[in-house]
Amino acid sequence: MSQLSLGYVNVFVKDFDAAVAFYRDTLGFAPGNVDAGFGYASFEVGPVSFAIAKTDDTKLVGRHTGVGFIVDDIDAAYRDMSDAGVAFEMAPTKQPWGGTLALFKDPDGNIFYLDPGH
C-alpha cells in the first residue's frame, strides 16, 4: 500500500463570510482559494491546507472537530488569541497524559485544539 500523508482538513460552517474573516483576519491564516459562490475557502497553515465549506446541515457545524493547531508558546498564543476576541472553551490546561491543551471556538462554535506540540 502507498504511504498516506494528510493534505487538507475541511471544517463546515454556516456563516461563510464570518468564518473567512475569522480565519484570515483574527487567526492570520493566509487565504488560498476563496469562492463565496461555491461556499469554499482554503487557507495555508503549514504543510496541511485548512479549508472551510458552507453547509446548512446543523449536525456538521458547532461541534468538536478533533483538529489541533500547534503553537510554540501556548500561554502566549492563548493571551494573543483571547485579546483578539477568540472564544476559548478551555484555557491552557495540563492533561493527565502530561501535555497541555487549550480549546478554542470559531464563530460557528466549531471547537479546535491549541497544542504546544512537545
Protein backbone atom coordinates (compact mmCIF):
# COMPACT_ATOMS: atom_id res chain seq x y z
CA MET A 1 0.00 0.00 0.00
CA SER A 2 1.19 3.54 -0.72
CA GLN A 3 2.12 5.68 2.26
CA LEU A 4 -0.60 8.20 3.03
CA SER A 5 0.01 11.80 4.01
CA LEU A 6 -2.53 14.34 5.20
CA GLY A 7 -3.11 17.04 2.61
CA TYR A 8 -6.07 19.04 3.87
CA VAL A 9 -8.75 19.29 6.54
CA ASN A 10 -12.25 20.66 5.85
CA VAL A 11 -14.46 22.15 8.56
CA PHE A 12 -18.10 23.01 7.96
CA VAL A 13 -19.52 26.46 8.69
CA LYS A 14 -22.90 28.17 8.36
CA ASP A 15 -21.77 31.80 8.16
CA PHE A 16 -19.19 31.69 5.37
CA ASP A 17 -18.26 35.39 5.41
CA ALA A 18 -17.78 35.47 9.20
CA ALA A 19 -15.69 32.29 9.04
CA VAL A 20 -13.44 33.65 6.27
CA ALA A 21 -12.92 36.85 8.26
CA PHE A 22 -12.17 34.89 11.45
CA TYR A 23 -9.59 32.56 9.92
CA ARG A 24 -8.00 35.25 7.73
CA ASP A 25 -8.14 38.33 9.95
CA THR A 26 -8.32 37.03 13.53
CA LEU A 27 -6.13 33.92 13.26
CA GLY A 28 -3.96 35.28 10.42
CA PHE A 29 -4.27 32.28 8.09
CA ALA A 30 -3.10 33.04 4.53
CA PRO A 31 -6.07 32.55 2.19
CA GLY A 32 -5.68 30.36 -0.86
CA ASN A 33 -8.82 29.77 -2.92
CA VAL A 34 -11.83 31.71 -1.60
CA ASP A 35 -15.05 31.16 -3.55
CA ALA A 36 -18.09 32.64 -1.80
CA GLY A 37 -20.41 31.44 -4.58
CA PHE A 38 -19.34 27.85 -4.05
CA GLY A 39 -19.06 28.32 -0.27
CA TYR A 40 -15.48 27.08 0.00
CA ALA A 41 -12.24 28.69 1.15
CA SER A 42 -8.82 27.22 1.73
CA PHE A 43 -6.02 28.59 3.89
CA GLU A 44 -2.35 27.69 4.07
CA VAL A 45 -1.31 26.98 7.66
CA GLY A 46 1.79 24.86 7.22
CA PRO A 47 2.21 21.60 5.36
CA VAL A 48 -1.53 20.85 5.59
CA SER A 49 -4.20 23.01 3.98
CA PHE A 50 -7.13 24.05 6.18
CA ALA A 51 -10.45 24.75 4.49
CA ILE A 52 -14.00 25.73 5.33
CA ALA A 53 -17.10 24.61 3.48
CA LYS A 54 -20.51 26.25 3.83
CA THR A 55 -23.36 23.94 4.81
CA ASP A 56 -26.92 24.20 6.07
CA ASP A 57 -26.64 20.82 7.83
CA THR A 58 -26.65 21.81 11.52
CA LYS A 59 -25.29 18.38 12.51
CA LEU A 60 -21.96 19.24 10.83
CA VAL A 61 -21.47 22.66 12.46
CA GLY A 62 -20.70 23.71 16.02
CA ARG A 63 -19.00 20.60 17.29
CA HIS A 64 -15.62 19.34 18.37
CA THR A 65 -13.55 18.96 15.20
CA GLY A 66 -10.62 16.99 16.59
CA VAL A 67 -8.34 19.39 14.67
CA GLY A 68 -5.29 20.68 16.52
CA PHE A 69 -3.15 23.73 15.79
CA ILE A 70 0.44 23.63 17.02
CA VAL A 71 1.98 26.73 18.63
CA ASP A 72 5.43 27.36 20.11
CA ASP A 73 4.13 29.01 23.28
CA ILE A 74 0.59 28.00 24.25
CA ASP A 75 0.28 30.61 27.01
CA ALA A 76 1.32 33.46 24.70
CA ALA A 77 -0.94 32.17 21.92
CA TYR A 78 -3.84 31.92 24.38
CA ARG A 79 -3.30 35.53 25.52
CA ASP A 80 -2.90 36.85 21.96
CA MET A 81 -5.94 34.97 20.65
CA SER A 82 -8.07 35.94 23.66
CA ASP A 83 -7.06 39.59 23.17
CA ALA A 84 -8.12 39.27 19.51
CA GLY A 85 -11.59 38.10 20.62
CA VAL A 86 -11.22 34.35 20.14
CA ALA A 87 -13.57 32.44 22.48
CA PHE A 88 -11.96 29.63 24.46
CA GLU A 89 -13.80 26.58 25.73
CA MET A 90 -10.80 25.72 27.92
CA ALA A 91 -7.73 27.75 28.89
CA PRO A 92 -4.32 26.01 28.66
CA THR A 93 -4.68 23.05 30.99
CA LYS A 94 -2.24 20.29 31.91
CA GLN A 95 -3.66 16.95 30.74
CA PRO A 96 -3.46 13.61 32.61
CA TRP A 97 -1.09 12.27 29.94
CA GLY A 98 1.37 15.13 30.62
CA GLY A 99 0.73 17.56 27.77
CA THR A 100 -1.05 20.90 27.83
CA LEU A 101 -4.04 21.78 25.65
CA ALA A 102 -6.44 24.67 25.19
CA LEU A 103 -9.74 24.56 23.28
CA PHE A 104 -11.00 27.46 21.17
CA LYS A 105 -14.08 28.10 19.04
CA ASP A 106 -14.68 29.68 15.66
CA PRO A 107 -17.74 31.92 15.06
CA ASP A 108 -19.90 28.85 14.26
CA GLY A 109 -18.93 27.12 17.51
CA ASN A 110 -16.56 24.58 15.93
CA ILE A 111 -14.02 23.60 18.60
CA PHE A 112 -10.28 23.19 17.95
CA TYR A 113 -7.23 22.19 19.99
CA LEU A 114 -4.35 24.54 20.66
CA ASP A 115 -1.28 22.44 21.40
CA PRO A 116 2.38 23.31 22.10
CA GLY A 117 3.34 20.15 20.21
CA HIS A 118 6.04 18.90 22.57
